[in-house]
Amino acid sequence: ADGLHLGYLLMVAGVGAVIGAFLAGYLTDKIKTTQVGICIILFTILTMIMSFLVFYYKFETIMYALTLGFMWGISFNALESWLFVCCSKIYKGKI
């Protein structure tokens, strides 16, 4: 069952990655780039705090791990996509 759980975790992280990358690009078109960056950093901090809860509480099901995997997927790829947008705006599309 461990291999199956790992597969689920990788799937939700991948779905979170797609959503995070899309949201970062979409939101930077709609609102200021710095505001999007602040929101992404705050979301990443929330994800880190939720990850540290594992040290203080033993979660019995896989749902918490799947939720954290989804949130980390969003965080990592939203940050990466946001940095690409920032670089392309600074250097006029010449990345």
N, C-alpha and C. Protein backbone atom coordinates (compact mmCIF):
# COMPACT_ATOMS: atom_id res chain seq x y z
N ALA A 1 0.82 -1.20 0.00
CA ALA A 1 0.00 0.00 0.00
C ALA A 1 0.86 1.26 0.00
N ASP A 2 2.13 1.14 0.41
CA ASP A 2 2.98 2.33 0.45
C ASP A 2 3.25 2.89 -0.94
N GLY A 3 3.45 2.01 -1.91
CA GLY A 3 3.67 2.46 -3.28
C GLY A 3 2.44 3.16 -3.84
N LEU A 4 1.27 2.65 -3.47
CA LEU A 4 0.02 3.27 -3.90
C LEU A 4 -0.14 4.65 -3.28
N HIS A 5 0.20 4.77 -2.00
CA HIS A 5 0.11 6.06 -1.31
C HIS A 5 1.08 7.06 -1.92
N LEU A 6 2.26 6.61 -2.27
CA LEU A 6 3.23 7.50 -2.91
C LEU A 6 2.71 7.97 -4.26
N GLY A 7 2.08 7.09 -5.00
CA GLY A 7 1.48 7.47 -6.28
C GLY A 7 0.41 8.52 -6.10
N TYR A 8 -0.44 8.35 -5.08
CA TYR A 8 -1.46 9.36 -4.81
C TYR A 8 -0.83 10.70 -4.45
N LEU A 9 0.21 10.66 -3.65
CA LEU A 9 0.87 11.89 -3.22
C LEU A 9 1.49 12.62 -4.41
N LEU A 10 2.11 11.88 -5.30
CA LEU A 10 2.70 12.50 -6.48
C LEU A 10 1.64 13.06 -7.42
N MET A 11 0.49 12.38 -7.49
CA MET A 11 -0.59 12.88 -8.35
C MET A 11 -1.15 14.19 -7.81
N VAL A 12 -1.41 14.27 -6.51
CA VAL A 12 -1.97 15.51 -5.99
C VAL A 12 -0.95 16.64 -6.03
N ALA A 13 0.33 16.31 -5.86
CA ALA A 13 1.36 17.35 -5.99
C ALA A 13 1.41 17.87 -7.43
N GLY A 14 1.24 16.98 -8.39
CA GLY A 14 1.23 17.40 -9.79
C GLY A 14 0.03 18.25 -10.13
N VAL A 15 -1.13 17.89 -9.60
CA VAL A 15 -2.33 18.70 -9.82
C VAL A 15 -2.15 20.08 -9.17
N GLY A 16 -1.58 20.10 -7.97
CA GLY A 16 -1.30 21.37 -7.31
C GLY A 16 -0.30 22.20 -8.09
N ALA A 17 0.67 21.54 -8.71
CA ALA A 17 1.66 22.25 -9.51
C ALA A 17 1.02 22.94 -10.71
N VAL A 18 0.12 22.23 -11.38
CA VAL A 18 -0.56 22.83 -12.53
C VAL A 18 -1.42 24.01 -12.09
N ILE A 19 -2.15 23.83 -11.02
CA ILE A 19 -3.02 24.91 -10.52
C ILE A 19 -2.18 26.10 -10.06
N GLY A 20 -1.08 25.84 -9.35
CA GLY A 20 -0.23 26.93 -8.88
C GLY A 20 0.39 27.72 -10.01
N ALA A 21 0.86 27.03 -11.03
CA ALA A 21 1.47 27.72 -12.17
C ALA A 21 0.43 28.54 -12.93
N PHE A 22 -0.76 27.97 -13.11
CA PHE A 22 -1.81 28.70 -13.80
C PHE A 22 -2.23 29.94 -13.01
N LEU A 23 -2.43 29.77 -11.70
CA LEU A 23 -2.87 30.90 -10.88
C LEU A 23 -1.84 32.03 -10.84
N ALA A 24 -0.58 31.67 -10.77
CA ALA A 24 0.46 32.71 -10.74
C ALA A 24 0.44 33.53 -12.02
N GLY A 25 0.35 32.88 -13.16
CA GLY A 25 0.30 33.61 -14.42
C GLY A 25 -0.98 34.40 -14.58
N TYR A 26 -2.10 33.80 -14.21
CA TYR A 26 -3.39 34.47 -14.37
C TYR A 26 -3.49 35.69 -13.45
N LEU A 27 -3.08 35.53 -12.20
CA LEU A 27 -3.21 36.64 -11.25
C LEU A 27 -2.26 37.79 -11.56
N THR A 28 -1.07 37.49 -12.09
CA THR A 28 -0.17 38.59 -12.43
C THR A 28 -0.67 39.38 -13.62
N ASP A 29 -1.54 38.80 -14.43
CA ASP A 29 -2.18 39.58 -15.49
C ASP A 29 -3.29 40.47 -14.96
N LYS A 30 -3.90 40.09 -13.84
CA LYS A 30 -5.05 40.81 -13.32
C LYS A 30 -4.70 41.86 -12.26
N ILE A 31 -3.73 41.55 -11.39
CA ILE A 31 -3.36 42.48 -10.32
C ILE A 31 -1.85 42.71 -10.35
N LYS A 32 -1.36 43.56 -9.45
CA LYS A 32 0.07 43.90 -9.44
C LYS A 32 0.92 42.67 -9.15
N THR A 33 2.07 42.64 -9.78
CA THR A 33 2.98 41.50 -9.64
C THR A 33 3.47 41.36 -8.20
N THR A 34 3.75 42.49 -7.54
CA THR A 34 4.24 42.41 -6.16
C THR A 34 3.17 41.87 -5.22
N GLN A 35 1.92 42.22 -5.45
CA GLN A 35 0.84 41.70 -4.60
C GLN A 35 0.69 40.19 -4.77
N VAL A 36 0.84 39.72 -5.99
CA VAL A 36 0.77 38.28 -6.23
C VAL A 36 1.93 37.58 -5.52
N GLY A 37 3.12 38.17 -5.60
CA GLY A 37 4.28 37.59 -4.92
C GLY A 37 4.09 37.51 -3.42
N ILE A 38 3.52 38.56 -2.83
CA ILE A 38 3.27 38.55 -1.38
C ILE A 38 2.27 37.45 -1.03
N CYS A 39 1.21 37.32 -1.83
CA CYS A 39 0.21 36.27 -1.57
C CYS A 39 0.83 34.88 -1.67
N ILE A 40 1.67 34.67 -2.67
CA ILE A 40 2.31 33.35 -2.84
C ILE A 40 3.25 33.05 -1.69
N ILE A 41 4.00 34.05 -1.25
CA ILE A 41 4.92 33.84 -0.12
C ILE A 41 4.14 33.55 1.16
N LEU A 42 3.05 34.26 1.39
CA LEU A 42 2.22 33.99 2.57
C LEU A 42 1.61 32.60 2.51
N PHE A 43 1.18 32.17 1.32
CA PHE A 43 0.65 30.81 1.17
C PHE A 43 1.74 29.77 1.44
N THR A 44 2.95 30.05 1.00
CA THR A 44 4.06 29.13 1.25
C THR A 44 4.38 29.05 2.74
N ILE A 45 4.32 30.18 3.44
CA ILE A 45 4.54 30.19 4.89
C ILE A 45 3.45 29.38 5.59
N LEU A 46 2.20 29.54 5.15
CA LEU A 46 1.11 28.73 5.72
C LEU A 46 1.35 27.24 5.49
N THR A 47 1.83 26.89 4.32
CA THR A 47 2.13 25.50 4.01
C THR A 47 3.24 24.97 4.91
N MET A 48 4.27 25.80 5.16
CA MET A 48 5.36 25.37 6.05
C MET A 48 4.85 25.17 7.47
N ILE A 49 4.01 26.07 7.96
CA ILE A 49 3.46 25.93 9.31
C ILE A 49 2.64 24.65 9.42
N MET A 50 1.83 24.39 8.40
CA MET A 50 1.04 23.15 8.43
C MET A 50 1.93 21.91 8.35
N SER A 51 3.07 22.03 7.68
CA SER A 51 4.00 20.90 7.61
C SER A 51 4.63 20.63 8.97
N PHE A 52 4.91 21.67 9.73
CA PHE A 52 5.52 21.49 11.05
C PHE A 52 4.55 20.93 12.07
N LEU A 53 3.25 20.97 11.80
CA LEU A 53 2.28 20.37 12.72
C LEU A 53 2.48 18.87 12.84
N VAL A 54 3.11 18.26 11.87
CA VAL A 54 3.35 16.82 11.90
C VAL A 54 4.24 16.45 13.09
N PHE A 55 5.12 17.36 13.51
CA PHE A 55 5.99 17.08 14.65
C PHE A 55 5.23 17.05 15.97
N TYR A 56 4.08 17.71 16.03
CA TYR A 56 3.35 17.83 17.29
C TYR A 56 2.08 17.00 17.36
N TYR A 57 1.61 16.52 16.22
CA TYR A 57 0.36 15.76 16.20
C TYR A 57 0.50 14.61 15.21
N LYS A 58 0.09 13.43 15.62
CA LYS A 58 0.15 12.27 14.74
C LYS A 58 -1.16 12.13 13.99
N PHE A 59 -1.11 12.35 12.68
CA PHE A 59 -2.30 12.23 11.85
C PHE A 59 -2.47 10.77 11.45
N GLU A 60 -3.69 10.28 11.57
CA GLU A 60 -3.96 8.86 11.38
C GLU A 60 -4.21 8.49 9.91
N THR A 61 -4.65 9.42 9.10
CA THR A 61 -5.01 9.08 7.72
C THR A 61 -4.02 9.73 6.75
N ILE A 62 -4.16 9.36 5.50
CA ILE A 62 -3.28 9.90 4.47
C ILE A 62 -3.78 11.26 3.95
N MET A 63 -4.98 11.65 4.34
CA MET A 63 -5.56 12.89 3.81
C MET A 63 -4.72 14.12 4.14
N TYR A 64 -4.13 14.17 5.32
CA TYR A 64 -3.30 15.32 5.68
C TYR A 64 -2.05 15.38 4.79
N ALA A 65 -1.46 14.23 4.55
CA ALA A 65 -0.29 14.18 3.67
C ALA A 65 -0.66 14.58 2.25
N LEU A 66 -1.83 14.15 1.77
CA LEU A 66 -2.27 14.52 0.44
C LEU A 66 -2.56 16.02 0.36
N THR A 67 -3.15 16.58 1.40
CA THR A 67 -3.41 18.02 1.43
C THR A 67 -2.11 18.80 1.40
N LEU A 68 -1.15 18.38 2.19
CA LEU A 68 0.15 19.07 2.19
C LEU A 68 0.87 18.91 0.86
N GLY A 69 0.79 17.74 0.25
CA GLY A 69 1.40 17.56 -1.07
C GLY A 69 0.79 18.48 -2.10
N PHE A 70 -0.53 18.62 -2.04
CA PHE A 70 -1.23 19.53 -2.95
C PHE A 70 -0.79 20.97 -2.70
N MET A 71 -0.71 21.35 -1.43
CA MET A 71 -0.30 22.72 -1.11
C MET A 71 1.15 23.00 -1.51
N TRP A 72 2.04 22.02 -1.32
CA TRP A 72 3.43 22.21 -1.74
C TRP A 72 3.54 22.30 -3.25
N GLY A 73 2.73 21.53 -3.96
CA GLY A 73 2.72 21.64 -5.42
C GLY A 73 2.32 23.03 -5.87
N ILE A 74 1.27 23.57 -5.24
CA ILE A 74 0.85 24.94 -5.56
C ILE A 74 1.96 25.92 -5.23
N SER A 75 2.54 25.80 -4.04
CA SER A 75 3.55 26.76 -3.59
C SER A 75 4.78 26.80 -4.49
N PHE A 76 5.34 25.63 -4.74
CA PHE A 76 6.58 25.58 -5.53
C PHE A 76 6.38 26.13 -6.94
N ASN A 77 5.35 25.68 -7.60
CA ASN A 77 5.18 26.09 -9.00
C ASN A 77 4.60 27.48 -9.13
N ALA A 78 3.84 27.94 -8.15
CA ALA A 78 3.38 29.33 -8.19
C ALA A 78 4.57 30.27 -8.03
N LEU A 79 5.48 29.94 -7.10
CA LEU A 79 6.68 30.76 -6.93
C LEU A 79 7.55 30.76 -8.19
N GLU A 80 7.73 29.60 -8.77
CA GLU A 80 8.56 29.49 -9.97
C GLU A 80 7.95 30.27 -11.13
N SER A 81 6.65 30.10 -11.33
CA SER A 81 5.99 30.82 -12.43
C SER A 81 5.98 32.31 -12.20
N TRP A 82 5.80 32.71 -10.95
CA TRP A 82 5.81 34.14 -10.61
C TRP A 82 7.19 34.74 -10.90
N LEU A 83 8.25 33.99 -10.58
CA LEU A 83 9.61 34.49 -10.87
C LEU A 83 9.84 34.60 -12.37
N PHE A 84 9.32 33.67 -13.16
CA PHE A 84 9.42 33.78 -14.61
C PHE A 84 8.72 35.03 -15.12
N VAL A 85 7.55 35.32 -14.57
CA VAL A 85 6.80 36.51 -14.98
C VAL A 85 7.59 37.76 -14.61
N CYS A 86 8.14 37.78 -13.40
CA CYS A 86 8.93 38.95 -12.97
C CYS A 86 10.14 39.16 -13.88
N CYS A 87 10.85 38.10 -14.19
CA CYS A 87 12.03 38.22 -15.06
C CYS A 87 11.64 38.66 -16.46
N SER A 88 10.53 38.15 -16.96
CA SER A 88 10.14 38.55 -18.31
C SER A 88 9.67 40.00 -18.36
N LYS A 89 9.09 40.50 -17.26
CA LYS A 89 8.70 41.91 -17.22
C LYS A 89 9.91 42.81 -17.08
N ILE A 90 10.89 42.41 -16.28
CA ILE A 90 12.08 43.21 -16.07
C ILE A 90 12.91 43.27 -17.35
N TYR A 91 13.11 42.12 -17.99
CA TYR A 91 13.98 42.03 -19.17
C TYR A 91 13.21 42.06 -20.48
N LYS A 92 11.96 42.51 -20.45
CA LYS A 92 11.14 42.70 -21.66
C LYS A 92 10.98 41.42 -22.48
N GLY A 93 10.78 40.29 -21.81
CA GLY A 93 10.54 39.04 -22.49
C GLY A 93 11.77 38.29 -22.94
N LYS A 94 12.96 38.79 -22.65
CA LYS A 94 14.19 38.12 -23.06
C LYS A 94 14.74 37.31 -21.88
N ILE A 95 14.22 36.12 -21.72
CA ILE A 95 14.67 35.29 -20.58
C ILE A 95 15.85 34.46 -21.02
